[in-house]
Amino acid sequence: MKKSALVLMTLAALAGTSSLALTKANAQAGDGVLTVATIGEPPSLDVMQTPTDIVLTIDQHIFETLYTYDAEWKSVPLLAAAMPTLSEDGLTYKIPLREGVKFHDGSDFDAKDVTASLKRWMTINSKGKQVAGVVESVAEDGDHAIVIKLKSRYAPLLATLSQASVILPSEKIADTLTEFVGTGPYSLKERKPDQYTQLVRFDGYKSPEGEPSNYAGKREAIAKEIRFVPVPDANTRVEGLISGQFDFADSLPVSAYERVEKSSNAKPVIFKNAGWASMNMNMKEGLLVKKELRQAVQAALNASDMMLAAFSDDRFFSVDASIFPEGSVWHTEAGVARYGEGDPEAAAKLLKAAGYDGQPLRLMTSRQYEFHYKIGEVAKAYLEAAGFKVDLQVVDWATLTTRRADAKQWDIFITHSNFPGDPTTINTITDTYPGWYVSDQKTKAVATYMDATTDDAKKTAWDAIQTVIYDDAPLYKVGNFNGVSGLANGVSGYEPTYWPHFWNVSPKK
């Protein structure tokens, strides 16, 4: 709280400093500045190196990628001039590039910048390294196109290129970035760790065309400045929003919704389907190596009761067996089994068939994310009603992430994730993610997806993958949750997105 209070005092002091060209009177009148309270300090502005939510939120204003996500989370052109031309064998992608685009330093964007940036991305970024394994070459084709040649088909390529594979000027590329120069609508002016990151309008920005749709379409830098202020304490973000110190406050507790709604300075904003909660099971060692016992966990649980306990009000969650929510191109009911209100009799039969002997089921959760803990409490009750003996282990998040790396220490851990642009980038599908989901039928289903070259083929392949996931039972999807943030009265044009963005947003007058 001391640190959070200091942040607010620093922000108030900054309002009177000439270095930020802002007076208190001007701030109150609205002079084109948006002040955004974030959940904390970004560890870096090198999004290739550290693609966390807070870094992605800030960096998307500075940097751009070849493709980005529209409202259906399809990859559409951003710095690319069009969708790629794909060779008949599905191994060669020719990507045309937009012309007339400038970097913040005034240099022209061209193919050399793209190839140099993608090579850095494939060297240091976790998803980039996965792509590097299937890439034969990345080369320029004149100044305004590149060609990517693959060793084998890789269906998630465009989705993977839509996040963190930002394009930098080739002259600025280094192992450790010292200059953060992009093509985005805002440029970096100043960063003071634990105080603020200050972005200013890039007057030379050239926007893509089209109606705004999620991260796609027209981008206009209406505010002349965006200031991201780290405020780690959620209650301090609420207080700052209500008092008028912040124009936007990210990730508010659902318990603050009514208070913000009743305030005279701000309103709450709900972002539907911000993410999904899951119970991930250990398939490598311990009790749940047996599929029947994992399926017994699925059968025993009541998704509605767990989500209600976690979020209190159905305004803040939904229960949906599909791994992706309604509205997503990946939403499907294919393969759904053992999901609903809990069936202790079916679970008990699976326990008996597996020869369950009463060994404790180690269920690991954290109070750092309070909704994780509440899900764990309800899950314990339902699992015990089905016949499991449950050892509920409540630890801090850092401990949980350390323990889950050791297969000997747990059977289930509770976590949450966002909905990625490509379904095969879901963490659980990766063989090495804690839980170690490895099966022959998963390998075959994913290989079919990777080989797909059309949207219809991808959707069919994803149906098969979800069917396999329900059968193998590497996880239990609990439900979808909505994000709550807050917006100052008078700020207009803001549309909720997973990583909040502030182009096309008008500050209060």
Protein backbone atom coordinates (compact mmCIF):
# COMPACT_ATOMS: atom_id res chain seq x y z
CA MET A 1 0.00 0.00 0.00
CA LYS A 2 2.92 2.39 0.75
CA LYS A 3 4.27 1.86 -2.75
CA SER A 4 0.82 2.30 -4.32
CA ALA A 5 0.20 5.48 -2.33
CA LEU A 6 3.58 6.78 -3.47
CA VAL A 7 2.57 6.12 -7.07
CA LEU A 8 -0.56 8.22 -6.65
CA MET A 9 1.43 11.02 -5.01
CA THR A 10 3.98 10.88 -7.82
CA LEU A 11 1.18 11.05 -10.40
CA ALA A 12 -0.32 14.08 -8.70
CA ALA A 13 3.09 15.75 -8.62
CA LEU A 14 3.66 14.98 -12.29
CA ALA A 15 0.47 16.83 -13.13
CA GLY A 16 2.28 20.07 -12.28
CA THR A 17 5.65 19.42 -13.91
CA SER A 18 6.77 21.32 -16.96
CA SER A 19 8.70 18.27 -18.18
CA LEU A 20 5.37 16.65 -19.00
CA ALA A 21 3.93 19.89 -20.38
CA LEU A 22 0.86 19.46 -18.23
CA THR A 23 -0.76 21.57 -15.53
CA LYS A 24 -3.44 20.49 -13.11
CA ALA A 25 -5.86 22.91 -14.69
CA ASN A 26 -5.18 21.56 -18.16
CA ALA A 27 -5.50 17.96 -16.97
CA GLN A 28 -8.88 18.66 -15.48
CA ALA A 29 -10.02 20.46 -18.62
CA GLY A 30 -8.80 17.63 -20.82
CA ASP A 31 -5.89 18.56 -23.06
CA GLY A 32 -5.48 15.36 -25.00
CA VAL A 33 -3.78 13.29 -22.29
CA LEU A 34 -4.94 9.81 -21.22
CA THR A 35 -3.67 8.52 -17.90
CA VAL A 36 -3.88 4.74 -17.64
CA ALA A 37 -3.45 2.84 -14.36
CA THR A 38 -1.92 -0.56 -15.07
CA ILE A 39 -1.49 -3.59 -12.80
CA GLY A 40 2.22 -2.96 -12.39
CA GLU A 41 5.54 -1.97 -13.88
CA PRO A 42 6.50 -3.63 -17.17
CA PRO A 43 9.71 -5.61 -16.68
CA SER A 44 10.86 -4.42 -20.11
CA LEU A 45 9.59 -2.81 -23.27
CA ASP A 46 11.21 -5.54 -25.37
CA VAL A 47 8.06 -7.52 -26.17
CA MET A 48 9.98 -10.11 -28.17
CA GLN A 49 11.93 -10.97 -25.03
CA THR A 50 9.08 -10.55 -22.52
CA PRO A 51 5.64 -11.05 -24.14
CA THR A 52 3.61 -10.59 -20.95
CA ASP A 53 0.20 -8.90 -20.89
CA ILE A 54 1.48 -5.64 -19.40
CA VAL A 55 4.29 -5.36 -21.98
CA LEU A 56 1.93 -6.22 -24.85
CA THR A 57 -0.57 -3.62 -23.61
CA ILE A 58 1.94 -0.78 -23.73
CA ASP A 59 4.03 -1.92 -26.70
CA GLN A 60 1.12 -2.33 -29.13
CA HIS A 61 0.93 1.48 -29.26
CA ILE A 62 4.61 1.75 -30.19
CA PHE A 63 5.23 -1.29 -32.39
CA GLU A 64 3.27 -3.13 -35.06
CA THR A 65 3.33 -6.63 -36.50
CA LEU A 66 2.73 -7.90 -40.02
CA TYR A 67 -0.71 -9.19 -39.02
CA THR A 68 -3.06 -8.58 -36.12
CA TYR A 69 -6.32 -9.97 -34.71
CA ASP A 70 -9.78 -8.83 -35.73
CA ALA A 71 -12.94 -9.26 -33.64
CA GLU A 72 -13.10 -13.00 -34.42
CA TRP A 73 -9.40 -13.36 -33.59
CA LYS A 74 -8.61 -14.01 -37.22
CA SER A 75 -5.24 -12.74 -38.43
CA VAL A 76 -5.62 -9.81 -40.82
CA PRO A 77 -3.05 -7.41 -42.36
CA LEU A 78 -1.46 -4.64 -40.31
CA LEU A 79 2.00 -3.88 -41.75
CA ALA A 80 1.39 -6.49 -44.42
CA ALA A 81 -0.44 -5.08 -47.45
CA ALA A 82 -2.59 -8.20 -47.88
CA MET A 83 -2.94 -11.81 -46.88
CA PRO A 84 -0.03 -13.94 -48.09
CA THR A 85 0.12 -15.77 -51.37
CA LEU A 86 0.58 -19.44 -50.51
CA SER A 87 2.30 -21.97 -52.75
CA GLU A 88 0.41 -25.07 -53.81
CA ASP A 89 2.39 -27.27 -51.42
CA GLY A 90 1.66 -24.91 -48.49
CA LEU A 91 5.35 -24.33 -47.77
CA THR A 92 6.00 -20.87 -49.26
CA TYR A 93 4.37 -17.66 -48.05
CA LYS A 94 4.84 -14.48 -50.06
CA ILE A 95 3.80 -11.48 -47.97
CA PRO A 96 3.37 -8.04 -49.59
CA LEU A 97 4.23 -5.05 -47.42
CA ARG A 98 2.54 -1.67 -47.11
CA GLU A 99 4.34 1.24 -48.71
CA GLY A 100 4.81 4.75 -47.33
CA VAL A 101 5.02 3.59 -43.70
CA LYS A 102 7.55 5.42 -41.51
CA PHE A 103 9.33 4.51 -38.31
CA HIS A 104 9.36 6.98 -35.42
CA ASP A 105 12.94 7.97 -36.33
CA GLY A 106 11.77 9.01 -39.81
CA SER A 107 13.24 6.04 -41.67
CA ASP A 108 11.21 4.11 -44.23
CA PHE A 109 9.72 0.70 -43.44
CA ASP A 110 10.81 -1.95 -45.92
CA ALA A 111 11.48 -5.66 -46.39
CA LYS A 112 14.96 -5.50 -44.83
CA ASP A 113 13.42 -4.35 -41.53
CA VAL A 114 10.97 -7.25 -41.62
CA THR A 115 13.52 -10.00 -42.28
CA ALA A 116 15.90 -8.65 -39.63
CA SER A 117 13.11 -8.34 -37.06
CA LEU A 118 11.69 -11.81 -37.71
CA LYS A 119 15.14 -13.36 -37.41
CA ARG A 120 15.58 -11.71 -34.00
CA TRP A 121 12.09 -12.88 -32.99
CA MET A 122 12.86 -16.47 -33.99
CA THR A 123 16.04 -16.33 -31.90
CA ILE A 124 14.74 -14.93 -28.61
CA ASN A 125 10.95 -15.31 -28.41
CA SER A 126 9.44 -18.59 -27.12
CA LYS A 127 6.85 -18.83 -29.91
CA GLY A 128 9.36 -17.50 -32.41
CA LYS A 129 11.68 -20.35 -31.53
CA GLN A 130 8.88 -22.82 -32.28
CA VAL A 131 8.40 -21.22 -35.68
CA ALA A 132 12.16 -21.27 -36.30
CA GLY A 133 12.05 -25.05 -36.10
CA VAL A 134 9.92 -25.25 -39.26
CA VAL A 135 11.37 -22.28 -41.17
CA GLU A 136 13.84 -22.95 -43.97
CA SER A 137 14.41 -19.29 -44.87
CA VAL A 138 13.13 -15.73 -44.56
CA ALA A 139 14.16 -13.48 -47.44
CA GLU A 140 13.37 -10.12 -49.03
CA ASP A 141 11.62 -10.05 -52.38
CA GLY A 142 12.38 -6.50 -53.42
CA ASP A 143 11.73 -3.64 -51.02
CA HIS A 144 8.05 -4.35 -50.42
CA ALA A 145 7.62 -8.09 -49.99
CA ILE A 146 9.15 -11.00 -48.11
CA VAL A 147 9.12 -14.73 -48.68
CA ILE A 148 8.99 -17.29 -45.89
CA LYS A 149 9.83 -20.86 -46.86
CA LEU A 150 8.90 -23.69 -44.48
CA LYS A 151 10.30 -27.17 -44.04
CA SER A 152 6.82 -28.48 -43.26
CA ARG A 153 3.33 -27.01 -43.18
CA TYR A 154 2.58 -24.85 -40.15
CA ALA A 155 -1.04 -23.72 -39.93
CA PRO A 156 -0.56 -21.33 -36.93
CA LEU A 157 2.04 -19.21 -38.78
CA LEU A 158 -0.08 -16.09 -39.31
CA ALA A 159 -1.61 -16.28 -35.83
CA THR A 160 1.87 -16.54 -34.34
CA LEU A 161 3.08 -13.59 -36.44
CA SER A 162 0.19 -11.53 -35.02
CA GLN A 163 1.66 -11.22 -31.53
CA ALA A 164 5.07 -10.03 -30.28
CA SER A 165 6.81 -10.41 -33.68
CA VAL A 166 7.08 -6.63 -33.87
CA ILE A 167 8.94 -4.93 -36.69
CA LEU A 168 11.90 -2.72 -35.79
CA PRO A 169 14.24 -0.67 -37.99
CA SER A 170 17.02 -3.04 -39.05
CA GLU A 171 19.60 -0.45 -37.92
CA LYS A 172 18.23 -0.49 -34.35
CA ILE A 173 18.21 -4.26 -33.87
CA ALA A 174 20.50 -5.58 -31.14
CA ASP A 175 20.63 -8.46 -28.69
CA THR A 176 19.57 -5.98 -26.00
CA LEU A 177 17.43 -3.13 -27.25
CA THR A 178 18.45 0.36 -26.20
CA GLU A 179 16.09 2.23 -28.54
CA PHE A 180 12.41 1.40 -28.82
CA VAL A 181 11.45 2.61 -32.29
CA GLY A 182 8.38 1.31 -34.08
CA THR A 183 5.76 2.25 -36.67
CA GLY A 184 2.83 2.56 -34.23
CA PRO A 185 0.54 5.54 -33.63
CA TYR A 186 2.53 6.52 -30.53
CA SER A 187 6.25 6.81 -29.86
CA LEU A 188 8.10 6.40 -26.59
CA LYS A 189 9.10 9.73 -25.05
CA GLU A 190 10.13 8.78 -21.52
CA ARG A 191 10.08 5.84 -19.16
CA LYS A 192 10.68 6.19 -15.43
CA PRO A 193 10.46 2.73 -13.82
CA ASP A 194 7.79 2.49 -11.10
CA GLN A 195 6.51 5.96 -12.04
CA TYR A 196 5.25 6.09 -15.63
CA THR A 197 5.81 5.24 -19.27
CA GLN A 198 5.03 8.26 -21.43
CA LEU A 199 3.99 7.88 -25.06
CA VAL A 200 3.32 10.77 -27.45
CA ARG A 201 1.43 10.97 -30.73
CA PHE A 202 3.48 10.05 -33.81
CA ASP A 203 2.49 12.67 -36.37
CA GLY A 204 3.99 10.65 -39.21
CA TYR A 205 1.80 7.62 -38.54
CA LYS A 206 0.13 5.90 -41.49
CA SER A 207 -2.93 3.93 -40.41
CA PRO A 208 -4.16 0.71 -41.99
CA GLU A 209 -7.55 0.96 -43.66
CA GLY A 210 -10.89 -0.51 -42.62
CA GLU A 211 -13.38 -0.21 -39.80
CA PRO A 212 -11.89 -0.76 -36.33
CA SER A 213 -12.32 -4.39 -35.27
CA ASN A 214 -10.49 -5.54 -32.13
CA TYR A 215 -6.87 -4.64 -33.06
CA ALA A 216 -7.52 -4.35 -36.80
CA GLY A 217 -8.64 -1.46 -38.96
CA LYS A 218 -8.19 2.28 -38.63
CA ARG A 219 -5.93 3.53 -35.86
CA GLU A 220 -6.07 7.23 -34.99
CA ALA A 221 -3.90 8.80 -32.31
CA ILE A 222 -6.54 11.19 -30.94
CA ALA A 223 -4.91 11.76 -27.55
CA LYS A 224 -1.64 13.62 -27.92
CA GLU A 225 -0.19 11.65 -25.01
CA ILE A 226 -0.79 8.40 -23.15
CA ARG A 227 0.76 7.92 -19.74
CA PHE A 228 0.85 4.38 -18.32
CA VAL A 229 1.19 4.49 -14.53
CA PRO A 230 1.97 1.28 -12.60
CA VAL A 231 -0.45 0.82 -9.69
CA PRO A 232 -0.01 -2.72 -8.34
CA ASP A 233 -2.69 -2.46 -5.65
CA ALA A 234 -6.16 -3.03 -7.12
CA ASN A 235 -7.92 -0.94 -4.49
CA THR A 236 -5.61 1.98 -5.21
CA ARG A 237 -6.54 1.74 -8.89
CA VAL A 238 -10.20 1.89 -7.88
CA GLU A 239 -9.66 4.92 -5.63
CA GLY A 240 -7.62 6.75 -8.28
CA LEU A 241 -10.30 6.14 -10.90
CA ILE A 242 -13.13 7.32 -8.65
CA SER A 243 -11.20 10.42 -7.56
CA GLY A 244 -10.54 11.43 -11.17
CA GLN A 245 -6.79 10.83 -11.21
CA PHE A 246 -7.01 8.08 -13.83
CA ASP A 247 -8.81 8.01 -17.14
CA PHE A 248 -8.66 4.22 -17.26
CA ALA A 249 -7.95 1.62 -14.58
CA ASP A 250 -7.17 -1.94 -15.62
CA SER A 251 -8.11 -5.22 -13.93
CA LEU A 252 -10.44 -4.12 -11.16
CA PRO A 253 -11.85 -6.56 -8.60
CA VAL A 254 -15.46 -7.52 -9.33
CA SER A 255 -16.29 -6.42 -5.79
CA ALA A 256 -15.59 -2.82 -6.86
CA TYR A 257 -18.10 -2.87 -9.71
CA GLU A 258 -21.03 -1.35 -7.79
CA ARG A 259 -18.87 1.34 -6.21
CA VAL A 260 -17.45 2.48 -9.55
CA GLU A 261 -20.94 2.36 -11.09
CA LYS A 262 -22.31 4.67 -8.38
CA SER A 263 -19.42 7.14 -8.58
CA SER A 264 -19.77 10.50 -10.29
CA ASN A 265 -16.44 10.37 -12.11
CA ALA A 266 -16.27 6.95 -13.74
CA LYS A 267 -18.11 3.91 -14.99
CA PRO A 268 -17.20 0.21 -14.95
CA VAL A 269 -16.41 -1.59 -18.20
CA ILE A 270 -16.92 -5.31 -18.70
CA PHE A 271 -14.83 -7.16 -21.25
CA LYS A 272 -16.64 -10.39 -22.02
CA ASN A 273 -14.64 -13.60 -22.16
CA ALA A 274 -11.38 -12.08 -21.03
CA GLY A 275 -10.14 -15.58 -20.28
CA TRP A 276 -10.94 -19.02 -18.95
CA ALA A 277 -10.19 -20.87 -15.75
CA SER A 278 -8.96 -24.45 -15.82
CA MET A 279 -7.83 -27.29 -13.59
CA ASN A 280 -4.76 -28.82 -15.19
CA MET A 281 -3.94 -32.46 -14.42
CA ASN A 282 -0.60 -34.22 -14.07
CA MET A 283 -0.32 -36.93 -16.71
CA LYS A 284 3.35 -37.66 -16.05
CA GLU A 285 3.48 -38.90 -12.46
CA GLY A 286 1.17 -39.61 -9.56
CA LEU A 287 -2.47 -40.50 -9.19
CA LEU A 288 -3.80 -39.01 -12.42
CA VAL A 289 -1.57 -40.90 -14.80
CA LYS A 290 -4.65 -43.16 -15.17
CA LYS A 291 -7.08 -41.73 -17.72
CA GLU A 292 -10.10 -43.15 -15.85
CA LEU A 293 -9.20 -41.08 -12.79
CA ARG A 294 -8.81 -37.91 -14.85
CA GLN A 295 -12.20 -38.58 -16.39
CA ALA A 296 -13.58 -39.15 -12.89
CA VAL A 297 -12.40 -35.65 -11.97
CA GLN A 298 -14.26 -34.27 -15.01
CA ALA A 299 -17.44 -36.16 -14.13
CA ALA A 300 -17.39 -35.10 -10.47
CA LEU A 301 -17.15 -31.34 -10.91
CA ASN A 302 -19.88 -28.70 -11.11
CA ALA A 303 -18.71 -25.85 -13.33
CA SER A 304 -21.57 -23.48 -12.46
CA ASP A 305 -21.04 -23.73 -8.71
CA MET A 306 -17.28 -23.20 -9.02
CA MET A 307 -17.67 -20.11 -11.20
CA LEU A 308 -20.42 -18.67 -9.01
CA ALA A 309 -18.22 -19.08 -5.95
CA ALA A 310 -15.33 -17.46 -7.78
CA PHE A 311 -17.16 -14.47 -9.29
CA SER A 312 -20.37 -14.09 -7.22
CA ASP A 313 -22.52 -12.76 -10.06
CA ASP A 314 -23.21 -14.15 -13.53
CA ARG A 315 -22.45 -10.74 -15.02
CA PHE A 316 -18.82 -11.68 -14.53
CA PHE A 317 -18.70 -15.24 -15.90
CA SER A 318 -20.26 -17.79 -18.20
CA VAL A 319 -20.19 -21.57 -18.25
CA ASP A 320 -19.44 -23.14 -21.62
CA ALA A 321 -18.02 -26.58 -22.37
CA SER A 322 -16.37 -25.38 -25.58
CA ILE A 323 -12.78 -24.44 -24.92
CA PHE A 324 -13.35 -21.26 -26.95
CA PRO A 325 -16.34 -19.01 -26.15
CA GLU A 326 -19.35 -18.19 -28.27
CA GLY A 327 -18.46 -15.61 -30.90
CA SER A 328 -15.06 -17.13 -31.51
CA VAL A 329 -14.41 -18.80 -34.83
CA TRP A 330 -13.11 -21.76 -32.79
CA HIS A 331 -16.26 -22.28 -30.71
CA THR A 332 -17.50 -25.87 -31.03
CA GLU A 333 -19.33 -28.49 -29.01
CA ALA A 334 -17.36 -31.30 -30.66
CA GLY A 335 -16.35 -34.06 -28.28
CA VAL A 336 -17.80 -32.51 -25.13
CA ALA A 337 -18.18 -35.11 -22.36
CA ARG A 338 -18.37 -35.19 -18.55
CA TYR A 339 -19.07 -31.47 -18.25
CA GLY A 340 -21.98 -29.91 -16.41
CA GLU A 341 -23.51 -29.96 -12.95
CA GLY A 342 -21.46 -32.84 -11.59
CA ASP A 343 -22.33 -36.54 -11.65
CA PRO A 344 -20.97 -38.20 -8.49
CA GLU A 345 -22.37 -41.61 -9.48
CA ALA A 346 -20.60 -41.59 -12.86
CA ALA A 347 -17.43 -40.40 -11.16
CA ALA A 348 -17.67 -43.13 -8.53
CA LYS A 349 -17.97 -45.79 -11.26
CA LEU A 350 -14.83 -44.47 -12.94
CA LEU A 351 -13.02 -44.50 -9.59
CA LYS A 352 -13.98 -48.11 -9.03
CA ALA A 353 -12.98 -49.14 -12.56
CA ALA A 354 -9.57 -47.49 -12.05
CA GLY A 355 -9.04 -49.28 -8.73
CA TYR A 356 -8.81 -46.05 -6.72
CA ASP A 357 -7.43 -46.88 -3.26
CA GLY A 358 -7.99 -43.61 -1.37
CA GLN A 359 -4.66 -42.00 -2.18
CA PRO A 360 -4.97 -38.24 -1.59
CA LEU A 361 -5.48 -36.09 -4.67
CA ARG A 362 -3.12 -33.10 -4.32
CA LEU A 363 -5.02 -30.03 -5.54
CA MET A 364 -2.84 -26.92 -5.69
CA THR A 365 -4.23 -23.38 -5.78
CA SER A 366 -3.33 -19.83 -4.75
CA ARG A 367 -5.00 -16.98 -2.89
CA GLN A 368 -3.00 -14.48 -4.91
CA TYR A 369 -5.72 -15.01 -7.49
CA GLU A 370 -8.70 -15.20 -5.17
CA PHE A 371 -10.94 -16.78 -7.81
CA HIS A 372 -8.44 -19.65 -8.13
CA TYR A 373 -8.77 -20.31 -4.41
CA LYS A 374 -12.58 -20.22 -4.45
CA ILE A 375 -12.69 -22.61 -7.40
CA GLY A 376 -10.42 -24.93 -5.42
CA GLU A 377 -12.65 -24.91 -2.36
CA VAL A 378 -15.76 -25.90 -4.33
CA ALA A 379 -13.84 -28.44 -6.41
CA LYS A 380 -12.63 -30.12 -3.22
CA ALA A 381 -16.22 -30.56 -1.98
CA TYR A 382 -17.43 -32.09 -5.26
CA LEU A 383 -14.41 -34.37 -5.62
CA GLU A 384 -14.88 -35.64 -2.08
CA ALA A 385 -18.59 -36.23 -2.72
CA ALA A 386 -17.56 -38.47 -5.63
CA GLY A 387 -15.19 -40.49 -3.46
CA PHE A 388 -11.80 -38.82 -3.82
CA LYS A 389 -9.72 -37.95 -0.81
CA VAL A 390 -8.46 -34.41 -1.46
CA ASP A 391 -5.39 -32.59 -0.15
CA LEU A 392 -6.06 -28.91 -0.95
CA GLN A 393 -2.73 -27.08 -0.95
CA VAL A 394 -2.99 -23.28 -0.83
CA VAL A 395 0.28 -21.53 -1.71
CA ASP A 396 1.39 -18.21 -3.17
CA TRP A 397 1.52 -17.98 -6.95
CA ALA A 398 5.32 -17.97 -7.15
CA THR A 399 5.44 -21.20 -5.16
CA LEU A 400 2.74 -22.77 -7.29
CA THR A 401 4.57 -22.00 -10.53
CA THR A 402 7.76 -23.47 -9.05
CA ARG A 403 6.08 -26.62 -7.74
CA ARG A 404 4.13 -27.31 -10.90
CA ALA A 405 7.43 -27.71 -12.76
CA ASP A 406 8.11 -30.80 -10.60
CA ALA A 407 5.80 -33.67 -11.55
CA LYS A 408 6.33 -35.37 -8.17
CA GLN A 409 4.70 -32.57 -6.16
CA TRP A 410 1.11 -32.26 -7.41
CA ASP A 411 -1.86 -33.81 -9.19
CA ILE A 412 -3.96 -30.78 -10.20
CA PHE A 413 -3.22 -27.06 -10.28
CA ILE A 414 -5.69 -24.26 -10.97
CA THR A 415 -4.81 -21.51 -13.44
CA HIS A 416 -6.31 -19.21 -16.05
CA SER A 417 -5.46 -18.21 -19.62
CA ASN A 418 -6.62 -15.93 -22.38
CA PHE A 419 -8.10 -17.17 -25.64
CA PRO A 420 -5.28 -17.23 -28.20
CA GLY A 421 -5.65 -16.45 -31.86
CA ASP A 422 -4.77 -20.00 -32.78
CA PRO A 423 -6.01 -23.00 -30.78
CA THR A 424 -2.77 -24.98 -31.05
CA THR A 425 -1.01 -22.26 -29.04
CA ILE A 426 -3.03 -23.15 -25.93
CA ASN A 427 -0.44 -23.97 -23.26
CA THR A 428 -1.87 -27.36 -22.35
CA ILE A 429 -1.49 -28.65 -25.90
CA THR A 430 2.28 -28.19 -25.65
CA ASP A 431 3.97 -31.45 -24.60
CA THR A 432 6.29 -29.68 -22.14
CA TYR A 433 3.74 -27.50 -20.31
CA PRO A 434 3.23 -28.61 -16.67
CA GLY A 435 0.84 -31.53 -16.89
CA TRP A 436 2.91 -33.01 -19.72
CA TYR A 437 0.01 -33.81 -22.01
CA VAL A 438 1.41 -36.42 -24.37
CA SER A 439 -0.76 -38.91 -26.24
CA ASP A 440 -0.69 -40.57 -29.65
CA GLN A 441 -4.17 -39.37 -30.54
CA LYS A 442 -3.28 -35.78 -29.62
CA THR A 443 -0.12 -35.94 -31.73
CA LYS A 444 -2.10 -37.17 -34.75
CA ALA A 445 -4.88 -34.60 -34.30
CA VAL A 446 -2.41 -31.70 -33.96
CA ALA A 447 -0.42 -32.93 -36.97
CA THR A 448 -3.61 -32.84 -39.06
CA TYR A 449 -4.21 -29.26 -37.94
CA MET A 450 -0.64 -28.22 -38.73
CA ASP A 451 -1.07 -29.61 -42.24
CA ALA A 452 -4.23 -27.58 -42.93
CA THR A 453 -4.03 -24.70 -45.39
CA THR A 454 -7.65 -23.45 -45.41
CA ASP A 455 -9.88 -22.06 -42.66
CA ASP A 456 -12.41 -24.86 -43.13
CA ALA A 457 -9.70 -27.51 -42.82
CA LYS A 458 -8.41 -25.84 -39.66
CA LYS A 459 -11.88 -25.76 -38.08
CA THR A 460 -12.44 -29.44 -38.84
CA ALA A 461 -9.04 -30.29 -37.39
CA TRP A 462 -9.74 -28.22 -34.26
CA ASP A 463 -13.01 -30.11 -33.72
CA ALA A 464 -10.93 -33.29 -33.68
CA ILE A 465 -8.39 -31.81 -31.25
CA GLN A 466 -11.11 -30.71 -28.78
CA THR A 467 -12.64 -34.19 -29.00
CA VAL A 468 -9.28 -35.73 -28.13
CA ILE A 469 -8.78 -33.27 -25.25
CA TYR A 470 -12.09 -34.31 -23.68
CA ASP A 471 -11.21 -37.97 -24.06
CA ASP A 472 -7.63 -37.69 -22.77
CA ALA A 473 -8.77 -35.32 -19.98
CA PRO A 474 -5.53 -33.35 -19.46
CA LEU A 475 -7.58 -30.53 -17.96
CA TYR A 476 -11.03 -29.51 -16.81
CA LYS A 477 -12.28 -26.25 -18.24
CA VAL A 478 -14.18 -24.53 -15.43
CA GLY A 479 -15.64 -21.55 -17.31
CA ASN A 480 -15.12 -18.19 -18.97
CA PHE A 481 -14.66 -15.02 -16.95
CA ASN A 482 -15.23 -11.39 -17.84
CA GLY A 483 -12.68 -8.69 -17.13
CA VAL A 484 -13.65 -5.56 -15.21
CA SER A 485 -11.94 -2.24 -15.76
CA GLY A 486 -12.96 1.37 -15.25
CA LEU A 487 -13.25 4.38 -17.56
CA ALA A 488 -13.51 8.04 -16.62
CA ASN A 489 -16.68 9.85 -17.58
CA GLY A 490 -16.12 11.96 -20.68
CA VAL A 491 -13.61 9.59 -22.27
CA SER A 492 -15.12 8.31 -25.52
CA GLY A 493 -14.31 5.78 -28.20
CA TYR A 494 -12.86 3.13 -25.91
CA GLU A 495 -13.74 -0.43 -26.95
CA PRO A 496 -12.81 -3.24 -24.53
CA THR A 497 -10.11 -5.62 -25.77
CA TYR A 498 -7.97 -8.22 -24.03
CA TRP A 499 -4.92 -5.95 -24.16
CA PRO A 500 -6.50 -2.52 -23.65
CA HIS A 501 -5.58 -0.06 -26.42
CA PHE A 502 -6.09 3.69 -26.63
CA TRP A 503 -5.84 4.69 -30.27
CA ASN A 504 -9.28 5.91 -31.49
CA VAL A 505 -9.97 7.09 -27.91
CA SER A 506 -10.87 10.72 -27.15
CA PRO A 507 -9.81 12.15 -23.76
CA LYS A 508 -12.36 13.93 -21.65
CA LYS A 509 -12.87 17.61 -22.43
